[in-house]
Amino acid sequence: KTNNRMLSLKEITQKLKTSYKVALNLIDIGKILVRTVINSITHWNQRVVSTIDLYCFSLRFTSLHTLARESDVSFRKIENKLREKGIEPAFDRQKVQARVYERNAVAHCIAEFAEK
């Protein structure tokens, strides 16, 4: 850990339960705010994200696979339901390399699965 308020890219991938590439893509398109600090051990530049910024991102956005894990419904069923309702990912899938949705936009679809 860089310190108790900042997370490395590796820690971000673990917290978001996503790949390094997807986390990096979200940073590169400006959806996760990043800072550059000097690593105290290697003295190299290191990109870090504050726990608060990552928490805020996680409250607002979620991946298709995280939705499936949280709702215990297959990602294919969720994806089909979202398509049926005309709900698109929040970001360009080609740029992010994942389907990331705004939680508010998908909440009613996920609730429908819970009702069944």
PDB file of N, CA and C in Angstrom:
ATOM      1  N   LYS A   1       0.837  -1.182   0.000  1.00  0.00           N
ATOM      2  CA  LYS A   1       0.000   0.000   0.000  1.00  0.00           C
ATOM      3  C   LYS A   1       0.882   1.246   0.000  1.00  0.00           C
ATOM      4  N   THR A   2       0.437   2.255  -0.703  1.00  0.00           N
ATOM      5  CA  THR A   2       1.202   3.494  -0.723  1.00  0.00           C
ATOM      6  C   THR A   2       1.002   4.264   0.579  1.00  0.00           C
ATOM      7  N   ASN A   3      -0.187   4.326   1.059  1.00  0.00           N
ATOM      8  CA  ASN A   3      -0.534   4.813   2.396  1.00  0.00           C
ATOM      9  C   ASN A   3      -1.985   4.427   2.644  1.00  0.00           C
ATOM     10  N   ASN A   4      -2.497   4.752   3.816  1.00  0.00           N
ATOM     11  CA  ASN A   4      -3.824   4.244   4.156  1.00  0.00           C
ATOM     12  C   ASN A   4      -4.976   4.944   3.433  1.00  0.00           C
ATOM     13  N   ARG A   5      -4.704   5.970   2.650  1.00  0.00           N
ATOM     14  CA  ARG A   5      -5.780   6.659   1.935  1.00  0.00           C
ATOM     15  C   ARG A   5      -5.676   6.518   0.424  1.00  0.00           C
ATOM     16  N   MET A   6      -4.608   5.913  -0.069  1.00  0.00           N
ATOM     17  CA  MET A   6      -4.410   5.791  -1.511  1.00  0.00           C
ATOM     18  C   MET A   6      -4.265   4.318  -1.897  1.00  0.00           C
ATOM     19  N   LEU A   7      -4.722   3.981  -3.091  1.00  0.00           N
ATOM     20  CA  LEU A   7      -4.684   2.604  -3.568  1.00  0.00           C
ATOM     21  C   LEU A   7      -3.860   2.518  -4.847  1.00  0.00           C
ATOM     22  N   SER A   8      -3.067   1.469  -4.948  1.00  0.00           N
ATOM     23  CA  SER A   8      -2.312   1.209  -6.173  1.00  0.00           C
ATOM     24  C   SER A   8      -3.255   0.637  -7.227  1.00  0.00           C
ATOM     25  N   LEU A   9      -2.784   0.565  -8.459  1.00  0.00           N
ATOM     26  CA  LEU A   9      -3.605  -0.012  -9.526  1.00  0.00           C
ATOM     27  C   LEU A   9      -3.953  -1.464  -9.223  1.00  0.00           C
ATOM     28  N   LYS A  10      -3.024  -2.188  -8.645  1.00  0.00           N
ATOM     29  CA  LYS A  10      -3.298  -3.580  -8.285  1.00  0.00           C
ATOM     30  C   LYS A  10      -4.435  -3.656  -7.262  1.00  0.00           C
ATOM     31  N   GLU A  11      -4.400  -2.771  -6.280  1.00  0.00           N
ATOM     32  CA  GLU A  11      -5.466  -2.760  -5.264  1.00  0.00           C
ATOM     33  C   GLU A  11      -6.803  -2.342  -5.859  1.00  0.00           C
ATOM     34  N   ILE A  12      -6.766  -1.437  -6.834  1.00  0.00           N
ATOM     35  CA  ILE A  12      -7.997  -1.005  -7.499  1.00  0.00           C
ATOM     36  C   ILE A  12      -8.639  -2.191  -8.212  1.00  0.00           C
ATOM     37  N   THR A  13      -7.827  -2.964  -8.920  1.00  0.00           N
ATOM     38  CA  THR A  13      -8.383  -4.126  -9.628  1.00  0.00           C
ATOM     39  C   THR A  13      -8.992  -5.114  -8.651  1.00  0.00           C
ATOM     40  N   GLN A  14      -8.373  -5.284  -7.498  1.00  0.00           N
ATOM     41  CA  GLN A  14      -8.913  -6.200  -6.494  1.00  0.00           C
ATOM     42  C   GLN A  14     -10.224  -5.683  -5.926  1.00  0.00           C
ATOM     43  N   LYS A  15     -10.283  -4.392  -5.627  1.00  0.00           N
ATOM     44  CA  LYS A  15     -11.509  -3.825  -5.056  1.00  0.00           C
ATOM     45  C   LYS A  15     -12.658  -3.827  -6.066  1.00  0.00           C
ATOM     46  N   LEU A  16     -12.353  -3.532  -7.332  1.00  0.00           N
ATOM     47  CA  LEU A  16     -13.395  -3.527  -8.362  1.00  0.00           C
ATOM     48  C   LEU A  16     -13.680  -4.921  -8.909  1.00  0.00           C
ATOM     49  N   LYS A  17     -12.827  -5.883  -8.548  1.00  0.00           N
ATOM     50  CA  LYS A  17     -12.941  -7.256  -9.063  1.00  0.00           C
ATOM     51  C   LYS A  17     -12.974  -7.235 -10.586  1.00  0.00           C
ATOM     52  N   THR A  18     -11.967  -6.588 -11.138  1.00  0.00           N
ATOM     53  CA  THR A  18     -11.848  -6.470 -12.589  1.00  0.00           C
ATOM     54  C   THR A  18     -10.398  -6.674 -12.995  1.00  0.00           C
ATOM     55  N   SER A  19     -10.138  -6.605 -14.266  1.00  0.00           N
ATOM     56  CA  SER A  19      -8.767  -6.780 -14.750  1.00  0.00           C
ATOM     57  C   SER A  19      -7.987  -5.472 -14.650  1.00  0.00           C
ATOM     58  N   TYR A  20      -6.677  -5.614 -14.680  1.00  0.00           N
ATOM     59  CA  TYR A  20      -5.781  -4.457 -14.673  1.00  0.00           C
ATOM     60  C   TYR A  20      -6.097  -3.567 -15.872  1.00  0.00           C
ATOM     61  N   LYS A  21      -6.313  -4.172 -17.033  1.00  0.00           N
ATOM     62  CA  LYS A  21      -6.574  -3.421 -18.262  1.00  0.00           C
ATOM     63  C   LYS A  21      -7.861  -2.607 -18.162  1.00  0.00           C
ATOM     64  N   VAL A  22      -8.918  -3.185 -17.618  1.00  0.00           N
ATOM     65  CA  VAL A  22     -10.181  -2.454 -17.473  1.00  0.00           C
ATOM     66  C   VAL A  22      -9.998  -1.280 -16.511  1.00  0.00           C
ATOM     67  N   ALA A  23      -9.331  -1.510 -15.384  1.00  0.00           N
ATOM     68  CA  ALA A  23      -9.080  -0.418 -14.428  1.00  0.00           C
ATOM     69  C   ALA A  23      -8.273   0.691 -15.094  1.00  0.00           C
ATOM     70  N   LEU A  24      -7.250   0.306 -15.824  1.00  0.00           N
ATOM     71  CA  LEU A  24      -6.412   1.289 -16.520  1.00  0.00           C
ATOM     72  C   LEU A  24      -7.225   2.053 -17.565  1.00  0.00           C
ATOM     73  N   ASN A  25      -8.094   1.370 -18.281  1.00  0.00           N
ATOM     74  CA  ASN A  25      -8.940   2.028 -19.282  1.00  0.00           C
ATOM     75  C   ASN A  25      -9.893   3.031 -18.635  1.00  0.00           C
ATOM     76  N   LEU A  26     -10.481   2.677 -17.492  1.00  0.00           N
ATOM     77  CA  LEU A  26     -11.371   3.609 -16.775  1.00  0.00           C
ATOM     78  C   LEU A  26     -10.600   4.848 -16.327  1.00  0.00           C
ATOM     79  N   ILE A  27      -9.360   4.659 -15.920  1.00  0.00           N
ATOM     80  CA  ILE A  27      -8.503   5.796 -15.549  1.00  0.00           C
ATOM     81  C   ILE A  27      -8.186   6.621 -16.784  1.00  0.00           C
ATOM     82  N   ASP A  28      -7.814   5.955 -17.875  1.00  0.00           N
ATOM     83  CA  ASP A  28      -7.415   6.653 -19.101  1.00  0.00           C
ATOM     84  C   ASP A  28      -8.542   7.490 -19.706  1.00  0.00           C
ATOM     85  N   ILE A  29      -9.800   7.051 -19.556  1.00  0.00           N
ATOM     86  CA  ILE A  29     -10.914   7.856 -20.091  1.00  0.00           C
ATOM     87  C   ILE A  29     -11.426   8.861 -19.060  1.00  0.00           C
ATOM     88  N   GLY A  30     -10.766   8.931 -17.902  1.00  0.00           N
ATOM     89  CA  GLY A  30     -11.084   9.954 -16.912  1.00  0.00           C
ATOM     90  C   GLY A  30     -12.235   9.642 -15.976  1.00  0.00           C
ATOM     91  N   LYS A  31     -12.639   8.391 -15.892  1.00  0.00           N
ATOM     92  CA  LYS A  31     -13.766   8.034 -15.028  1.00  0.00           C
ATOM     93  C   LYS A  31     -13.341   7.702 -13.603  1.00  0.00           C
ATOM     94  N   ILE A  32     -12.090   7.341 -13.424  1.00  0.00           N
ATOM     95  CA  ILE A  32     -11.525   7.165 -12.083  1.00  0.00           C
ATOM     96  C   ILE A  32     -10.375   8.161 -11.972  1.00  0.00           C
ATOM     97  N   LEU A  33     -10.453   9.031 -10.987  1.00  0.00           N
ATOM     98  CA  LEU A  33      -9.425  10.058 -10.812  1.00  0.00           C
ATOM     99  C   LEU A  33      -8.150   9.444 -10.260  1.00  0.00           C
ATOM    100  N   VAL A  34      -7.038   9.807 -10.854  1.00  0.00           N
ATOM    101  CA  VAL A  34      -5.755   9.225 -10.474  1.00  0.00           C
ATOM    102  C   VAL A  34      -4.768  10.340 -10.132  1.00  0.00           C
ATOM    103  N   ARG A  35      -3.861  10.028  -9.232  1.00  0.00           N
ATOM    104  CA  ARG A  35      -2.770  10.940  -8.883  1.00  0.00           C
ATOM    105  C   ARG A  35      -1.459  10.190  -9.079  1.00  0.00           C
ATOM    106  N   THR A  36      -0.417  10.921  -9.355  1.00  0.00           N
ATOM    107  CA  THR A  36       0.901  10.314  -9.477  1.00  0.00           C
ATOM    108  C   THR A  36       1.719  10.715  -8.265  1.00  0.00           C
ATOM    109  N   VAL A  37       2.280   9.708  -7.590  1.00  0.00           N
ATOM    110  CA  VAL A  37       3.119   9.941  -6.406  1.00  0.00           C
ATOM    111  C   VAL A  37       4.440   9.198  -6.608  1.00  0.00           C
ATOM    112  N   ILE A  38       5.396   9.525  -5.782  1.00  0.00           N
ATOM    113  CA  ILE A  38       6.672   8.811  -5.801  1.00  0.00           C
ATOM    114  C   ILE A  38       6.572   7.645  -4.817  1.00  0.00           C
ATOM    115  N   ASN A  39       6.798   6.429  -5.311  1.00  0.00           N
ATOM    116  CA  ASN A  39       6.784   5.248  -4.459  1.00  0.00           C
ATOM    117  C   ASN A  39       7.951   5.350  -3.483  1.00  0.00           C
ATOM    118  N   SER A  40       7.672   5.207  -2.208  1.00  0.00           N
ATOM    119  CA  SER A  40       8.698   5.390  -1.181  1.00  0.00           C
ATOM    120  C   SER A  40       9.763   4.300  -1.190  1.00  0.00           C
ATOM    121  N   ILE A  41       9.477   3.163  -1.774  1.00  0.00           N
ATOM    122  CA  ILE A  41      10.446   2.062  -1.815  1.00  0.00           C
ATOM    123  C   ILE A  41      11.265   2.094  -3.106  1.00  0.00           C
ATOM    124  N   THR A  42      10.575   2.196  -4.252  1.00  0.00           N
ATOM    125  CA  THR A  42      11.283   2.145  -5.536  1.00  0.00           C
ATOM    126  C   THR A  42      11.732   3.517  -6.031  1.00  0.00           C
ATOM    127  N   HIS A  43      11.093   4.573  -5.500  1.00  0.00           N
ATOM    128  CA  HIS A  43      11.336   5.961  -5.922  1.00  0.00           C
ATOM    129  C   HIS A  43      10.908   6.209  -7.365  1.00  0.00           C
ATOM    130  N   TRP A  44      10.050   5.353  -7.898  1.00  0.00           N
ATOM    131  CA  TRP A  44       9.483   5.538  -9.233  1.00  0.00           C
ATOM    132  C   TRP A  44       8.119   6.194  -9.085  1.00  0.00           C
ATOM    133  N   ASN A  45       7.682   6.836 -10.172  1.00  0.00           N
ATOM    134  CA  ASN A  45       6.328   7.380 -10.187  1.00  0.00           C
ATOM    135  C   ASN A  45       5.332   6.234 -10.113  1.00  0.00           C
ATOM    136  N   GLN A  46       4.286   6.442  -9.340  1.00  0.00           N
ATOM    137  CA  GLN A  46       3.243   5.432  -9.198  1.00  0.00           C
ATOM    138  C   GLN A  46       1.891   6.123  -9.254  1.00  0.00           C
ATOM    139  N   ARG A  47       0.983   5.569 -10.051  1.00  0.00           N
ATOM    140  CA  ARG A  47      -0.368   6.127 -10.119  1.00  0.00           C
ATOM    141  C   ARG A  47      -1.210   5.503  -9.018  1.00  0.00           C
ATOM    142  N   VAL A  48      -1.918   6.355  -8.300  1.00  0.00           N
ATOM    143  CA  VAL A  48      -2.745   5.901  -7.185  1.00  0.00           C
ATOM    144  C   VAL A  48      -4.107   6.583  -7.245  1.00  0.00           C
ATOM    145  N   VAL A  49      -5.063   5.958  -6.583  1.00  0.00           N
ATOM    146  CA  VAL A  49      -6.425   6.481  -6.507  1.00  0.00           C
ATOM    147  C   VAL A  49      -6.817   6.527  -5.036  1.00  0.00           C
ATOM    148  N   SER A  50      -7.466   7.592  -4.636  1.00  0.00           N
ATOM    149  CA  SER A  50      -7.903   7.676  -3.241  1.00  0.00           C
ATOM    150  C   SER A  50      -9.043   6.693  -2.997  1.00  0.00           C
ATOM    151  N   THR A  51      -9.103   6.189  -1.776  1.00  0.00           N
ATOM    152  CA  THR A  51     -10.179   5.257  -1.427  1.00  0.00           C
ATOM    153  C   THR A  51     -11.541   5.924  -1.586  1.00  0.00           C
ATOM    154  N   ILE A  52     -11.614   7.216  -1.320  1.00  0.00           N
ATOM    155  CA  ILE A  52     -12.883   7.939  -1.441  1.00  0.00           C
ATOM    156  C   ILE A  52     -13.309   8.021  -2.906  1.00  0.00           C
ATOM    157  N   ASP A  53     -12.365   8.342  -3.799  1.00  0.00           N
ATOM    158  CA  ASP A  53     -12.700   8.418  -5.225  1.00  0.00           C
ATOM    159  C   ASP A  53     -13.157   7.056  -5.761  1.00  0.00           C
ATOM    160  N   LEU A  54     -12.480   6.007  -5.353  1.00  0.00           N
ATOM    161  CA  LEU A  54     -12.871   4.674  -5.813  1.00  0.00           C
ATOM    162  C   LEU A  54     -14.233   4.283  -5.234  1.00  0.00           C
ATOM    163  N   TYR A  55     -14.469   4.620  -3.988  1.00  0.00           N
ATOM    164  CA  TYR A  55     -15.758   4.342  -3.352  1.00  0.00           C
ATOM    165  C   TYR A  55     -16.883   5.070  -4.095  1.00  0.00           C
ATOM    166  N   CYS A  56     -16.665   6.338  -4.424  1.00  0.00           N
ATOM    167  CA  CYS A  56     -17.676   7.109  -5.158  1.00  0.00           C
ATOM    168  C   CYS A  56     -17.938   6.504  -6.534  1.00  0.00           C
ATOM    169  N   PHE A  57     -16.886   6.084  -7.216  1.00  0.00           N
ATOM    170  CA  PHE A  57     -17.046   5.421  -8.512  1.00  0.00           C
ATOM    171  C   PHE A  57     -17.886   4.148  -8.342  1.00  0.00           C
ATOM    172  N   SER A  58     -17.564   3.351  -7.331  1.00  0.00           N
ATOM    173  CA  SER A  58     -18.267   2.085  -7.104  1.00  0.00           C
ATOM    174  C   SER A  58     -19.736   2.282  -6.735  1.00  0.00           C
ATOM    175  N   LEU A  59     -20.044   3.377  -6.077  1.00  0.00           N
ATOM    176  CA  LEU A  59     -21.441   3.670  -5.755  1.00  0.00           C
ATOM    177  C   LEU A  59     -22.240   4.021  -7.005  1.00  0.00           C
ATOM    178  N   ARG A  60     -21.593   4.666  -7.947  1.00  0.00           N
ATOM    179  CA  ARG A  60     -22.287   5.124  -9.145  1.00  0.00           C
ATOM    180  C   ARG A  60     -22.288   4.107 -10.279  1.00  0.00           C
ATOM    181  N   PHE A  61     -21.192   3.354 -10.430  1.00  0.00           N
ATOM    182  CA  PHE A  61     -21.041   2.451 -11.564  1.00  0.00           C
ATOM    183  C   PHE A  61     -20.776   1.019 -11.121  1.00  0.00           C
ATOM    184  N   THR A  62     -21.130   0.085 -12.005  1.00  0.00           N
ATOM    185  CA  THR A  62     -20.853  -1.332 -11.750  1.00  0.00           C
ATOM    186  C   THR A  62     -20.706  -2.063 -13.085  1.00  0.00           C
ATOM    187  N   SER A  63     -19.936  -3.111 -13.069  1.00  0.00           N
ATOM    188  CA  SER A  63     -19.781  -3.903 -14.292  1.00  0.00           C
ATOM    189  C   SER A  63     -20.909  -4.941 -14.381  1.00  0.00           C
ATOM    190  N   LEU A  64     -21.097  -5.447 -15.567  1.00  0.00           N
ATOM    191  CA  LEU A  64     -22.102  -6.489 -15.789  1.00  0.00           C
ATOM    192  C   LEU A  64     -21.807  -7.706 -14.911  1.00  0.00           C
ATOM    193  N   HIS A  65     -20.548  -8.075 -14.825  1.00  0.00           N
ATOM    194  CA  HIS A  65     -20.194  -9.261 -14.038  1.00  0.00           C
ATOM    195  C   HIS A  65     -20.385  -9.024 -12.539  1.00  0.00           C
ATOM    196  N   THR A  66     -20.148  -7.812 -12.079  1.00  0.00           N
ATOM    197  CA  THR A  66     -20.406  -7.498 -10.669  1.00  0.00           C
ATOM    198  C   THR A  66     -21.904  -7.540 -10.389  1.00  0.00           C
ATOM    199  N   LEU A  67     -22.701  -7.026 -11.315  1.00  0.00           N
ATOM    200  CA  LEU A  67     -24.163  -7.114 -11.165  1.00  0.00           C
ATOM    201  C   LEU A  67     -24.600  -8.563 -11.027  1.00  0.00           C
ATOM    202  N   ALA A  68     -24.046  -9.419 -11.854  1.00  0.00           N
ATOM    203  CA  ALA A  68     -24.400 -10.841 -11.814  1.00  0.00           C
ATOM    204  C   ALA A  68     -24.008 -11.453 -10.473  1.00  0.00           C
ATOM    205  N   ARG A  69     -22.823 -11.137 -10.010  1.00  0.00           N
ATOM    206  CA  ARG A  69     -22.340 -11.678  -8.728  1.00  0.00           C
ATOM    207  C   ARG A  69     -23.204 -11.171  -7.566  1.00  0.00           C
ATOM    208  N   GLU A  70     -23.518  -9.879  -7.571  1.00  0.00           N
ATOM    209  CA  GLU A  70     -24.310  -9.290  -6.487  1.00  0.00           C
ATOM    210  C   GLU A  70     -25.749  -9.787  -6.461  1.00  0.00           C
ATOM    211  N   SER A  71     -26.313 -10.068  -7.636  1.00  0.00           N
ATOM    212  CA  SER A  71     -27.727 -10.467  -7.698  1.00  0.00           C
ATOM    213  C   SER A  71     -27.919 -11.974  -7.810  1.00  0.00           C
ATOM    214  N   ASP A  72     -26.820 -12.706  -7.957  1.00  0.00           N
ATOM    215  CA  ASP A  72     -26.869 -14.161  -8.105  1.00  0.00           C
ATOM    216  C   ASP A  72     -27.719 -14.576  -9.314  1.00  0.00           C
ATOM    217  N   VAL A  73     -27.558 -13.817 -10.395  1.00  0.00           N
ATOM    218  CA  VAL A  73     -28.235 -14.093 -11.659  1.00  0.00           C
ATOM    219  C   VAL A  73     -27.150 -14.108 -12.725  1.00  0.00           C
ATOM    220  N   SER A  74     -27.269 -14.982 -13.718  1.00  0.00           N
ATOM    221  CA  SER A  74     -26.225 -15.064 -14.736  1.00  0.00           C
ATOM    222  C   SER A  74     -26.097 -13.739 -15.492  1.00  0.00           C
ATOM    223  N   PHE A  75     -24.862 -13.429 -15.866  1.00  0.00           N
ATOM    224  CA  PHE A  75     -24.633 -12.164 -16.564  1.00  0.00           C
ATOM    225  C   PHE A  75     -25.368 -12.139 -17.906  1.00  0.00           C
ATOM    226  N   ARG A  76     -25.553 -13.286 -18.535  1.00  0.00           N
ATOM    227  CA  ARG A  76     -26.280 -13.344 -19.816  1.00  0.00           C
ATOM    228  C   ARG A  76     -27.741 -12.924 -19.633  1.00  0.00           C
ATOM    229  N   LYS A  77     -28.386 -13.416 -18.556  1.00  0.00           N
ATOM    230  CA  LYS A  77     -29.779 -13.044 -18.294  1.00  0.00           C
ATOM    231  C   LYS A  77     -29.887 -11.541 -18.037  1.00  0.00           C
ATOM    232  N   ILE A  78     -28.941 -11.022 -17.256  1.00  0.00           N
ATOM    233  CA  ILE A  78     -28.961  -9.583 -16.963  1.00  0.00           C
ATOM    234  C   ILE A  78     -28.722  -8.789 -18.242  1.00  0.00           C
ATOM    235  N   GLU A  79     -27.736  -9.198 -19.010  1.00  0.00           N
ATOM    236  CA  GLU A  79     -27.435  -8.497 -20.258  1.00  0.00           C
ATOM    237  C   GLU A  79     -28.642  -8.490 -21.201  1.00  0.00           C
ATOM    238  N   ASN A  80     -29.311  -9.625 -21.333  1.00  0.00           N
ATOM    239  CA  ASN A  80     -30.502  -9.702 -22.187  1.00  0.00           C
ATOM    240  C   ASN A  80     -31.609  -8.781 -21.692  1.00  0.00           C
ATOM    241  N   LYS A  81     -31.824  -8.749 -20.379  1.00  0.00           N
ATOM    242  CA  LYS A  81     -32.863  -7.891 -19.801  1.00  0.00           C
ATOM    243  C   LYS A  81     -32.528  -6.411 -20.022  1.00  0.00           C
ATOM    244  N   LEU A  82     -31.257  -6.057 -19.844  1.00  0.00           N
ATOM    245  CA  LEU A  82     -30.858  -4.662 -20.052  1.00  0.00           C
ATOM    246  C   LEU A  82     -31.038  -4.262 -21.517  1.00  0.00           C
ATOM    247  N   ARG A  83     -30.673  -5.148 -22.431  1.00  0.00           N
ATOM    248  CA  ARG A  83     -30.859  -4.872 -23.866  1.00  0.00           C
ATOM    249  C   ARG A  83     -32.339  -4.704 -24.189  1.00  0.00           C
ATOM    250  N   GLU A  84     -33.144  -5.614 -23.623  1.00  0.00           N
ATOM    251  CA  GLU A  84     -34.598  -5.583 -23.843  1.00  0.00           C
ATOM    252  C   GLU A  84     -35.181  -4.244 -23.397  1.00  0.00           C
ATOM    253  N   LYS A  85     -34.642  -3.707 -22.317  1.00  0.00           N
ATOM    254  CA  LYS A  85     -35.121  -2.426 -21.767  1.00  0.00           C
ATOM    255  C   LYS A  85     -34.441  -1.222 -22.424  1.00  0.00           C
ATOM    256  N   GLY A  86     -33.490  -1.480 -23.327  1.00  0.00           N
ATOM    257  CA  GLY A  86     -32.804  -0.386 -24.016  1.00  0.00           C
ATOM    258  C   GLY A  86     -31.747   0.311 -23.178  1.00  0.00           C
ATOM    259  N   ILE A  87     -31.247  -0.371 -22.164  1.00  0.00           N
ATOM    260  CA  ILE A  87     -30.235   0.223 -21.281  1.00  0.00           C
ATOM    261  C   ILE A  87     -28.851  -0.119 -21.821  1.00  0.00           C
ATOM    262  N   GLU A  88     -28.100   0.914 -22.126  1.00  0.00           N
ATOM    263  CA  GLU A  88     -26.760   0.775 -22.695  1.00  0.00           C
ATOM    264  C   GLU A  88     -25.692   0.963 -21.609  1.00  0.00           C
ATOM    265  N   PRO A  89     -24.504   0.397 -21.828  1.00  0.00           N
ATOM    266  CA  PRO A  89     -23.403   0.670 -20.896  1.00  0.00           C
ATOM    267  C   PRO A  89     -23.115   2.171 -20.813  1.00  0.00           C
ATOM    268  N   ALA A  90     -22.608   2.599 -19.675  1.00  0.00           N
ATOM    269  CA  ALA A  90     -22.318   4.016 -19.443  1.00  0.00           C
ATOM    270  C   ALA A  90     -21.142   4.503 -20.281  1.00  0.00           C
ATOM    271  N   PHE A  91     -20.224   3.603 -20.620  1.00  0.00           N
ATOM    272  CA  PHE A  91     -19.022   3.968 -21.359  1.00  0.00           C
ATOM    273  C   PHE A  91     -18.889   3.081 -22.593  1.00  0.00           C
ATOM    274  N   ASP A  92     -18.132   3.575 -23.551  1.00  0.00           N
ATOM    275  CA  ASP A  92     -17.856   2.828 -24.770  1.00  0.00           C
ATOM    276  C   ASP A  92     -17.174   1.506 -24.415  1.00  0.00           C
ATOM    277  N   ARG A  93     -17.840   0.424 -24.749  1.00  0.00           N
ATOM    278  CA  ARG A  93     -17.329  -0.912 -24.411  1.00  0.00           C
ATOM    279  C   ARG A  93     -15.970  -1.180 -25.049  1.00  0.00           C
ATOM    280  N   GLN A  94     -15.742  -0.649 -26.237  1.00  0.00           N
ATOM    281  CA  GLN A  94     -14.471  -0.860 -26.922  1.00  0.00           C
ATOM    282  C   GLN A  94     -13.325  -0.159 -26.205  1.00  0.00           C
ATOM    283  N   LYS A  95     -13.599   1.010 -25.633  1.00  0.00           N
ATOM    284  CA  LYS A  95     -12.555   1.759 -24.917  1.00  0.00           C
ATOM    285  C   LYS A  95     -12.271   1.163 -23.547  1.00  0.00           C
ATOM    286  N   VAL A  96     -13.307   0.701 -22.861  1.00  0.00           N
ATOM    287  CA  VAL A  96     -13.154   0.190 -21.494  1.00  0.00           C
ATOM    288  C   VAL A  96     -12.826  -1.303 -21.497  1.00  0.00           C
ATOM    289  N   GLN A  97     -13.299  -2.013 -22.495  1.00  0.00           N
ATOM    290  CA  GLN A  97     -13.161  -3.471 -22.607  1.00  0.00           C
ATOM    291  C   GLN A  97     -13.954  -4.201 -21.521  1.00  0.00           C
ATOM    292  N   ALA A  98     -15.077  -3.600 -21.164  1.00  0.00           N
ATOM    293  CA  ALA A  98     -16.017  -4.205 -20.212  1.00  0.00           C
ATOM    294  C   ALA A  98     -17.340  -3.466 -20.348  1.00  0.00           C
ATOM    295  N   ARG A  99     -18.397  -4.115 -19.901  1.00  0.00           N
ATOM    296  CA  ARG A  99     -19.710  -3.465 -19.869  1.00  0.00           C
ATOM    297  C   ARG A  99     -19.887  -2.878 -18.476  1.00  0.00           C
ATOM    298  N   VAL A 100     -19.876  -1.552 -18.408  1.00  0.00           N
ATOM    299  CA  VAL A 100     -20.014  -0.844 -17.133  1.00  0.00           C
ATOM    300  C   VAL A 100     -21.282  -0.002 -17.214  1.00  0.00           C
ATOM    301  N   TYR A 101     -22.129  -0.139 -16.204  1.00  0.00           N
ATOM    302  CA  TYR A 101     -23.426   0.538 -16.185  1.00  0.00           C
ATOM    303  C   TYR A 101     -23.535   1.470 -14.987  1.00  0.00           C
ATOM    304  N   GLU A 102     -24.400   2.479 -15.134  1.00  0.00           N
ATOM    305  CA  GLU A 102     -24.750   3.297 -13.978  1.00  0.00           C
ATOM    306  C   GLU A 102     -25.718   2.477 -13.132  1.00  0.00           C
ATOM    307  N   ARG A 103     -25.430   2.400 -11.852  1.00  0.00           N
ATOM    308  CA  ARG A 103     -26.286   1.604 -10.956  1.00  0.00           C
ATOM    309  C   ARG A 103     -27.724   2.084 -10.980  1.00  0.00           C
ATOM    310  N   ASN A 104     -27.929   3.390 -11.007  1.00  0.00           N
ATOM    311  CA  ASN A 104     -29.300   3.924 -11.032  1.00  0.00           C
ATOM    312  C   ASN A 104     -30.068   3.469 -12.268  1.00  0.00           C
ATOM    313  N   ALA A 105     -29.366   3.347 -13.393  1.00  0.00           N
ATOM    314  CA  ALA A 105     -30.023   2.970 -14.647  1.00  0.00           C
ATOM    315  C   ALA A 105     -30.446   1.507 -14.660  1.00  0.00           C
ATOM    316  N   VAL A 106     -29.755   0.663 -13.903  1.00  0.00           N
ATOM    317  CA  VAL A 106     -30.047  -0.777 -13.943  1.00  0.00           C
ATOM    318  C   VAL A 106     -30.799  -1.279 -12.715  1.00  0.00           C
ATOM    319  N   ALA A 107     -30.976  -0.442 -11.736  1.00  0.00           N
ATOM    320  CA  ALA A 107     -31.568  -0.881 -10.463  1.00  0.00           C
ATOM    321  C   ALA A 107     -32.934  -1.538 -10.637  1.00  0.00           C
ATOM    322  N   HIS A 108     -33.796  -0.950 -11.464  1.00  0.00           N
ATOM    323  CA  HIS A 108     -35.142  -1.521 -11.620  1.00  0.00           C
ATOM    324  C   HIS A 108     -35.101  -2.888 -12.307  1.00  0.00           C
ATOM    325  N   CYS A 109     -34.163  -3.091 -13.231  1.00  0.00           N
ATOM    326  CA  CYS A 109     -34.038  -4.403 -13.891  1.00  0.00           C
ATOM    327  C   CYS A 109     -33.573  -5.466 -12.902  1.00  0.00           C
ATOM    328  N   ILE A 110     -32.619  -5.106 -12.074  1.00  0.00           N
ATOM    329  CA  ILE A 110     -32.098  -6.044 -11.077  1.00  0.00           C
ATOM    330  C   ILE A 110     -33.189  -6.367 -10.056  1.00  0.00           C
ATOM    331  N   ALA A 111     -33.978  -5.363  -9.699  1.00  0.00           N
ATOM    332  CA  ALA A 111     -35.077  -5.587  -8.749  1.00  0.00           C
ATOM    333  C   ALA A 111     -36.086  -6.583  -9.311  1.00  0.00           C
ATOM    334  N   GLU A 112     -36.304  -6.574 -10.620  1.00  0.00           N
ATOM    335  CA  GLU A 112     -37.231  -7.519 -11.233  1.00  0.00           C
ATOM    336  C   GLU A 112     -36.761  -8.965 -11.034  1.00  0.00           C
ATOM    337  N   PHE A 113     -35.464  -9.193 -11.070  1.00  0.00           N
ATOM    338  CA  PHE A 113     -34.947 -10.547 -10.836  1.00  0.00           C
ATOM    339  C   PHE A 113     -35.178 -10.974  -9.387  1.00  0.00           C
ATOM    340  N   ALA A 114     -35.070 -10.026  -8.473  1.00  0.00           N
ATOM    341  CA  ALA A 114     -35.252 -10.332  -7.053  1.00  0.00           C
ATOM    342  C   ALA A 114     -36.704 -10.682  -6.748  1.00  0.00           C
ATOM    343  N   GLU A 115     -37.632 -10.113  -7.508  1.00  0.00           N
ATOM    344  CA  GLU A 115     -39.064 -10.358  -7.292  1.00  0.00           C
ATOM    345  C   GLU A 115     -39.478 -11.760  -7.700  1.00  0.00           C
ATOM    346  N   LYS A 116     -38.723 -12.358  -8.610  1.00  0.00           N
ATOM    347  CA  LYS A 116     -39.115 -13.677  -9.140  1.00  0.00           C
ATOM    348  C   LYS A 116     -38.784 -14.795  -8.206  1.00  0.00           C
TER     349      LYS A 116
END
